[in-house]
Amino acid sequence: MKTSVNRQTVDLSAFPEIVVIYLGMRVNALAGIKTVLGLGPQIQKAGDRKPDGLLHFENNIIYSVFPFHVGMRWYWKDFESMERWTRSPPHRDWWQTFIKDSGGTGFWHETYFMGGGMEAIYDDVPKAVGFQVFAPAVAARGSSFSARRRALRTGAEPSQPEGNSEAELY
């Protein structure tokens, strides 16, 4: 018996600067289970608050069970909204904590821009994922330290939050 497929697409013309970011956390050590399970509800609450510019988010995409690797997909109306959110609590606080101690996890994100361009970061990810599987890995230092610079985005880069300059972190 033949079935009918309800095939659809979307009209994104109202979102010319949409940014989609895929994120993942991977458990690298036993302590990482506690880290991931502790952050999960916090990340859900952050999305539920619908920060300015966030169009939609999806959390807890399971990439693999062993090692435990979960992911998220967040849709932002533009890069500036996303960047502004990353420089404010709670994201800023998560990042400040993670960059000092990954808590037995690895973290990565890949960002895709409607207008063209991509950027990515991989922190304490022992097995290559995403772009890292086929593109050479380089240190995220200097010109590769911030997402704006990695994505070659124009405009003034917001200052790093207090105590988060590259020199202070490493």
N, C-alpha and C. Protein backbone atom coordinates (compact mmCIF):
# COMPACT_ATOMS: atom_id res chain seq x y z
N MET A 1 0.83 -1.17 0.00
CA MET A 1 0.00 0.00 0.00
C MET A 1 0.89 1.25 0.00
N LYS A 2 0.59 2.17 -0.87
CA LYS A 2 1.33 3.41 -0.99
C LYS A 2 0.89 4.40 0.09
N THR A 3 1.85 5.08 0.70
CA THR A 3 1.51 6.10 1.70
C THR A 3 1.85 7.47 1.15
N SER A 4 1.16 8.44 1.64
CA SER A 4 1.40 9.82 1.24
C SER A 4 2.37 10.46 2.23
N VAL A 5 3.37 11.11 1.73
CA VAL A 5 4.36 11.78 2.57
C VAL A 5 4.01 13.27 2.64
N ASN A 6 3.92 13.80 3.84
CA ASN A 6 3.65 15.21 4.04
C ASN A 6 4.99 15.95 4.03
N ARG A 7 5.49 16.25 2.86
CA ARG A 7 6.80 16.87 2.71
C ARG A 7 6.66 18.39 2.80
N GLN A 8 7.45 19.01 3.72
CA GLN A 8 7.38 20.45 3.93
C GLN A 8 8.79 21.04 3.99
N THR A 9 8.86 22.33 3.87
CA THR A 9 10.09 23.08 4.10
C THR A 9 9.72 24.29 4.95
N VAL A 10 10.62 25.20 5.15
CA VAL A 10 10.33 26.41 5.92
C VAL A 10 10.73 27.63 5.13
N ASP A 11 10.07 28.73 5.40
CA ASP A 11 10.40 30.01 4.80
C ASP A 11 11.21 30.79 5.84
N LEU A 12 12.50 30.86 5.65
CA LEU A 12 13.38 31.55 6.60
C LEU A 12 13.66 33.00 6.20
N SER A 13 12.92 33.53 5.24
CA SER A 13 13.20 34.89 4.75
C SER A 13 13.07 35.95 5.85
N ALA A 14 12.29 35.69 6.88
CA ALA A 14 12.16 36.64 7.99
C ALA A 14 13.35 36.58 8.94
N PHE A 15 14.26 35.64 8.71
CA PHE A 15 15.41 35.43 9.60
C PHE A 15 16.72 35.44 8.81
N PRO A 16 17.06 36.57 8.17
CA PRO A 16 18.24 36.59 7.29
C PRO A 16 19.57 36.42 8.02
N GLU A 17 19.58 36.61 9.33
CA GLU A 17 20.84 36.50 10.07
C GLU A 17 20.81 35.38 11.09
N ILE A 18 19.93 34.41 10.91
CA ILE A 18 19.78 33.32 11.87
C ILE A 18 21.13 32.61 12.10
N VAL A 19 21.33 32.21 13.33
CA VAL A 19 22.53 31.48 13.73
C VAL A 19 22.06 30.20 14.42
N VAL A 20 22.61 29.08 13.98
CA VAL A 20 22.29 27.80 14.61
C VAL A 20 23.57 27.29 15.25
N ILE A 21 23.47 26.93 16.51
CA ILE A 21 24.65 26.43 17.21
C ILE A 21 24.34 25.04 17.76
N TYR A 22 25.18 24.10 17.40
CA TYR A 22 25.12 22.75 17.93
C TYR A 22 26.15 22.69 19.05
N LEU A 23 25.76 22.13 20.19
CA LEU A 23 26.66 22.04 21.34
C LEU A 23 26.64 20.62 21.87
N GLY A 24 27.73 20.20 22.45
CA GLY A 24 27.76 18.88 23.05
C GLY A 24 28.65 18.82 24.28
N MET A 25 28.27 17.94 25.20
CA MET A 25 29.11 17.63 26.37
C MET A 25 29.32 16.13 26.40
N ARG A 26 30.54 15.76 26.62
CA ARG A 26 30.93 14.36 26.63
C ARG A 26 31.54 14.03 27.98
N VAL A 27 31.15 12.92 28.56
CA VAL A 27 31.72 12.49 29.83
C VAL A 27 33.09 11.86 29.53
N ASN A 28 34.14 12.42 30.12
CA ASN A 28 35.49 11.90 29.94
C ASN A 28 35.97 11.10 31.15
N ALA A 29 35.38 11.33 32.30
CA ALA A 29 35.75 10.67 33.54
C ALA A 29 34.51 10.53 34.41
N LEU A 30 34.57 9.68 35.40
CA LEU A 30 33.42 9.43 36.27
C LEU A 30 32.82 10.72 36.82
N ALA A 31 33.67 11.65 37.22
CA ALA A 31 33.18 12.93 37.76
C ALA A 31 32.36 13.70 36.72
N GLY A 32 32.58 13.42 35.45
CA GLY A 32 31.85 14.09 34.38
C GLY A 32 30.36 13.81 34.39
N ILE A 33 29.96 12.65 34.91
CA ILE A 33 28.53 12.33 34.99
C ILE A 33 27.84 13.36 35.87
N LYS A 34 28.44 13.65 37.03
CA LYS A 34 27.88 14.64 37.94
C LYS A 34 27.83 16.03 37.28
N THR A 35 28.88 16.38 36.55
CA THR A 35 28.94 17.68 35.88
C THR A 35 27.82 17.81 34.86
N VAL A 36 27.66 16.80 33.99
CA VAL A 36 26.63 16.85 32.96
C VAL A 36 25.23 16.88 33.58
N LEU A 37 25.00 16.00 34.55
CA LEU A 37 23.68 15.95 35.17
C LEU A 37 23.37 17.21 35.97
N GLY A 38 24.40 17.87 36.51
CA GLY A 38 24.20 19.12 37.24
C GLY A 38 23.92 20.29 36.31
N LEU A 39 24.55 20.29 35.14
CA LEU A 39 24.35 21.40 34.20
C LEU A 39 23.07 21.26 33.40
N GLY A 40 22.64 20.04 33.15
CA GLY A 40 21.46 19.81 32.31
C GLY A 40 20.26 20.65 32.71
N PRO A 41 19.81 20.57 33.97
CA PRO A 41 18.66 21.37 34.39
C PRO A 41 18.92 22.88 34.30
N GLN A 42 20.16 23.29 34.56
CA GLN A 42 20.49 24.72 34.47
C GLN A 42 20.37 25.21 33.03
N ILE A 43 20.85 24.41 32.10
CA ILE A 43 20.78 24.77 30.68
C ILE A 43 19.32 24.82 30.23
N GLN A 44 18.52 23.87 30.68
CA GLN A 44 17.09 23.86 30.35
C GLN A 44 16.43 25.14 30.86
N LYS A 45 16.71 25.53 32.12
CA LYS A 45 16.13 26.75 32.69
C LYS A 45 16.55 27.98 31.89
N ALA A 46 17.82 28.01 31.48
CA ALA A 46 18.32 29.16 30.71
C ALA A 46 17.54 29.30 29.41
N GLY A 47 17.30 28.20 28.73
CA GLY A 47 16.53 28.25 27.49
C GLY A 47 15.07 28.61 27.74
N ASP A 48 14.51 28.06 28.82
CA ASP A 48 13.11 28.34 29.16
C ASP A 48 12.88 29.83 29.43
N ARG A 49 13.91 30.53 29.89
CA ARG A 49 13.79 31.97 30.15
C ARG A 49 13.71 32.78 28.85
N LYS A 50 13.98 32.11 27.74
CA LYS A 50 13.91 32.72 26.41
C LYS A 50 14.68 34.05 26.35
N PRO A 51 16.02 33.96 26.48
CA PRO A 51 16.80 35.20 26.41
C PRO A 51 16.55 35.95 25.09
N ASP A 52 16.75 37.25 25.13
CA ASP A 52 16.53 38.10 23.96
C ASP A 52 17.29 37.55 22.76
N GLY A 53 16.58 37.29 21.69
CA GLY A 53 17.20 36.81 20.46
C GLY A 53 17.14 35.30 20.29
N LEU A 54 16.82 34.56 21.34
CA LEU A 54 16.72 33.10 21.20
C LEU A 54 15.38 32.76 20.57
N LEU A 55 15.42 32.08 19.44
CA LEU A 55 14.20 31.71 18.73
C LEU A 55 13.66 30.36 19.20
N HIS A 56 14.57 29.43 19.49
CA HIS A 56 14.17 28.08 19.87
C HIS A 56 15.41 27.34 20.37
N PHE A 57 15.19 26.34 21.23
CA PHE A 57 16.29 25.49 21.67
C PHE A 57 15.80 24.08 21.86
N GLU A 58 16.69 23.15 21.69
CA GLU A 58 16.41 21.73 21.90
C GLU A 58 17.59 21.16 22.67
N ASN A 59 17.33 20.62 23.85
CA ASN A 59 18.39 20.06 24.68
C ASN A 59 18.30 18.54 24.70
N ASN A 60 19.35 17.93 25.19
CA ASN A 60 19.40 16.49 25.45
C ASN A 60 19.24 15.62 24.22
N ILE A 61 19.93 15.97 23.19
CA ILE A 61 20.06 15.10 22.03
C ILE A 61 21.15 14.11 22.40
N ILE A 62 20.86 12.83 22.40
CA ILE A 62 21.85 11.83 22.79
C ILE A 62 22.69 11.47 21.57
N TYR A 63 23.99 11.73 21.66
CA TYR A 63 24.90 11.36 20.58
C TYR A 63 25.39 9.93 20.77
N SER A 64 25.68 9.58 22.00
CA SER A 64 26.10 8.20 22.29
C SER A 64 25.89 7.93 23.77
N VAL A 65 25.72 6.67 24.08
CA VAL A 65 25.52 6.26 25.46
C VAL A 65 26.86 5.98 26.12
N PHE A 66 27.78 5.39 25.38
CA PHE A 66 29.11 5.12 25.93
C PHE A 66 30.16 5.61 24.96
N PRO A 67 30.97 6.57 25.27
CA PRO A 67 30.85 7.37 26.48
C PRO A 67 29.63 8.28 26.36
N PHE A 68 29.04 8.61 27.50
CA PHE A 68 27.84 9.44 27.52
C PHE A 68 28.15 10.77 26.88
N HIS A 69 27.37 11.13 25.86
CA HIS A 69 27.62 12.32 25.07
C HIS A 69 26.26 12.91 24.70
N VAL A 70 25.93 14.07 25.25
CA VAL A 70 24.64 14.71 24.98
C VAL A 70 24.86 16.01 24.22
N GLY A 71 23.81 16.45 23.58
CA GLY A 71 23.93 17.66 22.79
C GLY A 71 22.71 18.55 22.87
N MET A 72 22.86 19.69 22.27
CA MET A 72 21.82 20.71 22.24
C MET A 72 21.89 21.42 20.89
N ARG A 73 20.78 22.02 20.53
CA ARG A 73 20.74 22.85 19.33
C ARG A 73 19.99 24.11 19.72
N TRP A 74 20.62 25.26 19.51
CA TRP A 74 20.00 26.55 19.85
C TRP A 74 19.95 27.41 18.58
N TYR A 75 18.81 28.07 18.38
CA TYR A 75 18.59 28.91 17.21
C TYR A 75 18.47 30.37 17.67
N TRP A 76 19.36 31.22 17.17
CA TRP A 76 19.38 32.64 17.56
C TRP A 76 19.02 33.50 16.35
N LYS A 77 18.37 34.66 16.59
CA LYS A 77 17.97 35.53 15.48
C LYS A 77 19.19 36.14 14.79
N ASP A 78 20.29 36.32 15.54
CA ASP A 78 21.51 36.87 14.95
C ASP A 78 22.71 36.60 15.87
N PHE A 79 23.88 36.82 15.33
CA PHE A 79 25.10 36.55 16.08
C PHE A 79 25.21 37.46 17.31
N GLU A 80 24.83 38.72 17.17
CA GLU A 80 24.97 39.66 18.27
C GLU A 80 24.14 39.24 19.48
N SER A 81 22.94 38.72 19.26
CA SER A 81 22.11 38.23 20.38
C SER A 81 22.79 37.07 21.09
N MET A 82 23.30 36.14 20.29
CA MET A 82 23.99 34.98 20.87
C MET A 82 25.23 35.43 21.65
N GLU A 83 26.01 36.29 21.04
CA GLU A 83 27.24 36.75 21.67
C GLU A 83 26.95 37.49 22.97
N ARG A 84 25.93 38.34 22.96
CA ARG A 84 25.55 39.09 24.16
C ARG A 84 25.17 38.12 25.29
N TRP A 85 24.41 37.08 24.96
CA TRP A 85 23.99 36.10 25.96
C TRP A 85 25.20 35.35 26.52
N THR A 86 26.15 35.00 25.66
CA THR A 86 27.32 34.24 26.15
C THR A 86 28.18 35.06 27.10
N ARG A 87 28.09 36.38 27.02
CA ARG A 87 28.89 37.25 27.89
C ARG A 87 28.16 37.60 29.19
N SER A 88 26.98 37.03 29.40
CA SER A 88 26.20 37.34 30.61
C SER A 88 25.88 36.06 31.38
N PRO A 89 25.46 36.20 32.66
CA PRO A 89 25.06 35.01 33.41
C PRO A 89 23.80 34.41 32.80
N PRO A 90 23.62 33.15 32.82
CA PRO A 90 24.42 32.12 33.49
C PRO A 90 25.56 31.59 32.62
N HIS A 91 25.48 31.85 31.28
CA HIS A 91 26.49 31.26 30.39
C HIS A 91 27.90 31.66 30.80
N ARG A 92 28.10 32.94 31.08
CA ARG A 92 29.43 33.43 31.47
C ARG A 92 29.95 32.66 32.68
N ASP A 93 29.09 32.41 33.66
CA ASP A 93 29.51 31.70 34.87
C ASP A 93 29.88 30.25 34.57
N TRP A 94 29.08 29.60 33.72
CA TRP A 94 29.40 28.21 33.34
C TRP A 94 30.76 28.17 32.66
N TRP A 95 30.98 29.12 31.75
CA TRP A 95 32.21 29.14 30.99
C TRP A 95 33.41 29.41 31.90
N GLN A 96 33.27 30.37 32.82
CA GLN A 96 34.37 30.67 33.74
C GLN A 96 34.75 29.44 34.56
N THR A 97 33.75 28.70 35.02
CA THR A 97 34.01 27.49 35.80
C THR A 97 34.66 26.42 34.93
N PHE A 98 34.10 26.20 33.75
CA PHE A 98 34.59 25.14 32.88
C PHE A 98 36.03 25.38 32.43
N ILE A 99 36.35 26.60 32.06
CA ILE A 99 37.68 26.89 31.51
C ILE A 99 38.78 26.66 32.55
N LYS A 100 38.41 26.72 33.84
CA LYS A 100 39.37 26.44 34.91
C LYS A 100 39.44 24.95 35.23
N ASP A 101 38.29 24.26 35.09
CA ASP A 101 38.22 22.82 35.40
C ASP A 101 37.03 22.23 34.65
N SER A 102 37.30 21.35 33.72
CA SER A 102 36.23 20.79 32.88
C SER A 102 35.34 19.80 33.63
N GLY A 103 35.64 19.51 34.88
CA GLY A 103 34.79 18.63 35.68
C GLY A 103 34.61 17.24 35.11
N GLY A 104 35.64 16.75 34.42
CA GLY A 104 35.56 15.39 33.86
C GLY A 104 34.76 15.30 32.57
N THR A 105 34.53 16.46 31.93
CA THR A 105 33.79 16.47 30.67
C THR A 105 34.60 17.11 29.56
N GLY A 106 34.11 16.95 28.38
CA GLY A 106 34.60 17.69 27.23
C GLY A 106 33.41 18.48 26.70
N PHE A 107 33.67 19.61 26.08
CA PHE A 107 32.62 20.45 25.54
C PHE A 107 33.00 20.90 24.15
N TRP A 108 32.04 20.99 23.28
CA TRP A 108 32.28 21.51 21.93
C TRP A 108 31.05 22.26 21.44
N HIS A 109 31.27 23.15 20.49
CA HIS A 109 30.15 23.75 19.77
C HIS A 109 30.57 24.02 18.34
N GLU A 110 29.60 23.98 17.45
CA GLU A 110 29.78 24.36 16.06
C GLU A 110 28.66 25.33 15.72
N THR A 111 29.02 26.45 15.11
CA THR A 111 28.07 27.52 14.81
C THR A 111 27.97 27.70 13.31
N TYR A 112 26.73 27.82 12.82
CA TYR A 112 26.45 27.96 11.38
C TYR A 112 25.64 29.23 11.18
N PHE A 113 26.05 30.06 10.22
CA PHE A 113 25.44 31.36 9.97
C PHE A 113 24.67 31.35 8.66
N MET A 114 23.42 31.82 8.70
CA MET A 114 22.59 31.88 7.51
C MET A 114 23.28 32.66 6.39
N GLY A 115 23.94 33.74 6.76
CA GLY A 115 24.62 34.58 5.77
C GLY A 115 25.95 34.02 5.31
N GLY A 116 26.32 32.88 5.81
CA GLY A 116 27.58 32.26 5.42
C GLY A 116 28.58 32.27 6.56
N GLY A 117 29.34 31.24 6.63
CA GLY A 117 30.38 31.11 7.62
C GLY A 117 30.04 30.12 8.72
N MET A 118 31.08 29.63 9.35
CA MET A 118 30.96 28.66 10.43
C MET A 118 32.13 28.88 11.38
N GLU A 119 31.98 28.41 12.59
CA GLU A 119 33.09 28.43 13.55
C GLU A 119 32.84 27.33 14.56
N ALA A 120 33.91 26.95 15.26
CA ALA A 120 33.78 25.85 16.21
C ALA A 120 34.83 25.96 17.31
N ILE A 121 34.53 25.29 18.42
CA ILE A 121 35.49 25.17 19.52
C ILE A 121 35.35 23.78 20.12
N TYR A 122 36.46 23.21 20.56
CA TYR A 122 36.47 21.87 21.16
C TYR A 122 37.37 21.95 22.39
N ASP A 123 36.78 21.78 23.57
CA ASP A 123 37.52 21.87 24.83
C ASP A 123 37.53 20.51 25.50
N ASP A 124 38.71 19.96 25.73
CA ASP A 124 38.86 18.66 26.40
C ASP A 124 38.04 17.57 25.72
N VAL A 125 38.01 17.58 24.38
CA VAL A 125 37.32 16.55 23.61
C VAL A 125 38.39 15.61 23.06
N PRO A 126 38.53 14.41 23.70
CA PRO A 126 39.64 13.52 23.33
C PRO A 126 39.49 12.82 21.98
N LYS A 127 38.26 12.62 21.53
CA LYS A 127 38.03 11.98 20.23
C LYS A 127 37.37 13.00 19.33
N ALA A 128 37.93 13.21 18.15
CA ALA A 128 37.43 14.22 17.23
C ALA A 128 35.96 14.02 16.92
N VAL A 129 35.22 15.15 16.88
CA VAL A 129 33.82 15.17 16.48
C VAL A 129 33.64 16.31 15.48
N GLY A 130 32.58 16.23 14.69
CA GLY A 130 32.24 17.31 13.77
C GLY A 130 33.37 17.69 12.85
N PHE A 131 33.57 19.00 12.68
CA PHE A 131 34.61 19.51 11.79
C PHE A 131 35.98 18.93 12.11
N GLN A 132 36.19 18.68 13.39
CA GLN A 132 37.49 18.21 13.86
C GLN A 132 37.88 16.86 13.24
N VAL A 133 36.91 16.11 12.75
CA VAL A 133 37.19 14.81 12.14
C VAL A 133 37.97 14.98 10.84
N PHE A 134 37.68 16.04 10.09
CA PHE A 134 38.30 16.20 8.77
C PHE A 134 39.15 17.46 8.59
N ALA A 135 39.03 18.42 9.50
CA ALA A 135 39.80 19.66 9.38
C ALA A 135 40.89 19.69 10.44
N PRO A 136 42.04 20.29 10.12
CA PRO A 136 43.12 20.34 11.11
C PRO A 136 42.72 21.12 12.36
N ALA A 137 43.05 20.59 13.51
CA ALA A 137 42.81 21.28 14.78
C ALA A 137 43.93 22.28 15.02
N VAL A 138 43.56 23.46 15.48
CA VAL A 138 44.54 24.48 15.84
C VAL A 138 44.20 25.00 17.23
N ALA A 139 45.19 25.53 17.92
CA ALA A 139 44.96 26.06 19.27
C ALA A 139 43.99 27.23 19.22
N ALA A 140 43.06 27.29 20.15
CA ALA A 140 42.09 28.39 20.25
C ALA A 140 42.70 29.51 21.08
N ARG A 141 43.72 30.10 20.55
CA ARG A 141 44.45 31.17 21.21
C ARG A 141 44.57 32.34 20.23
N GLY A 142 44.90 33.49 20.74
CA GLY A 142 45.13 34.65 19.87
C GLY A 142 43.93 34.93 18.98
N SER A 143 44.14 34.92 17.65
CA SER A 143 43.07 35.25 16.72
C SER A 143 41.96 34.20 16.71
N SER A 144 42.18 33.05 17.31
CA SER A 144 41.15 32.01 17.36
C SER A 144 40.50 31.91 18.74
N PHE A 145 40.76 32.86 19.63
CA PHE A 145 40.24 32.79 20.99
C PHE A 145 38.73 32.99 21.07
N SER A 146 38.18 33.93 20.32
CA SER A 146 36.75 34.23 20.43
C SER A 146 35.97 33.75 19.21
N ALA A 147 34.70 33.45 19.42
CA ALA A 147 33.83 33.01 18.33
C ALA A 147 33.76 34.06 17.23
N ARG A 148 33.68 35.34 17.62
CA ARG A 148 33.61 36.42 16.61
C ARG A 148 34.84 36.37 15.70
N ARG A 149 35.99 36.20 16.27
CA ARG A 149 37.21 36.16 15.46
C ARG A 149 37.31 34.87 14.65
N ARG A 150 36.92 33.72 15.26
CA ARG A 150 36.95 32.46 14.50
C ARG A 150 36.02 32.50 13.31
N ALA A 151 34.88 33.17 13.46
CA ALA A 151 33.88 33.24 12.39
C ALA A 151 34.15 34.39 11.42
N LEU A 152 35.20 35.17 11.68
CA LEU A 152 35.56 36.31 10.84
C LEU A 152 34.40 37.31 10.74
N ARG A 153 33.70 37.54 11.87
CA ARG A 153 32.59 38.48 11.92
C ARG A 153 33.14 39.88 12.10
N THR A 154 32.54 40.83 11.41
CA THR A 154 32.97 42.22 11.55
C THR A 154 32.25 42.86 12.73
N GLY A 155 32.67 44.04 13.05
CA GLY A 155 32.05 44.77 14.16
C GLY A 155 32.92 44.70 15.40
N ALA A 156 32.60 45.57 16.33
CA ALA A 156 33.37 45.64 17.57
C ALA A 156 33.09 44.42 18.43
N GLU A 157 34.15 43.81 18.88
CA GLU A 157 34.01 42.67 19.78
C GLU A 157 33.75 43.17 21.18
N PRO A 158 32.70 42.67 21.82
CA PRO A 158 32.47 43.09 23.21
C PRO A 158 33.65 42.69 24.08
N SER A 159 33.88 43.47 25.11
CA SER A 159 34.99 43.11 25.99
C SER A 159 34.68 41.81 26.71
N GLN A 160 35.73 41.09 27.04
CA GLN A 160 35.56 39.85 27.80
C GLN A 160 35.07 40.21 29.19
N PRO A 161 34.26 39.36 29.80
CA PRO A 161 33.84 39.63 31.18
C PRO A 161 35.06 39.74 32.10
N GLU A 162 34.91 40.50 33.15
CA GLU A 162 35.99 40.70 34.13
C GLU A 162 36.69 39.38 34.46
N GLY A 163 37.99 39.39 34.37
CA GLY A 163 38.77 38.20 34.73
C GLY A 163 38.77 37.12 33.66
N ASN A 164 38.31 37.44 32.45
CA ASN A 164 38.24 36.43 31.39
C ASN A 164 39.05 36.77 30.17
N SER A 165 40.00 37.68 30.28
CA SER A 165 40.83 37.93 29.12
C SER A 165 41.65 36.68 28.86
N GLU A 166 42.06 36.52 27.65
CA GLU A 166 42.85 35.34 27.31
C GLU A 166 44.09 35.22 28.20
N ALA A 167 44.77 36.33 28.43
CA ALA A 167 45.98 36.30 29.25
C ALA A 167 45.69 35.85 30.67
N GLU A 168 44.53 36.23 31.21
CA GLU A 168 44.17 35.87 32.59
C GLU A 168 43.75 34.40 32.71
N LEU A 169 43.27 33.85 31.60
CA LEU A 169 42.78 32.46 31.66
C LEU A 169 43.91 31.43 31.51
N TYR A 170 44.95 31.79 30.77
CA TYR A 170 46.00 30.79 30.51
C TYR A 170 47.33 31.25 31.05
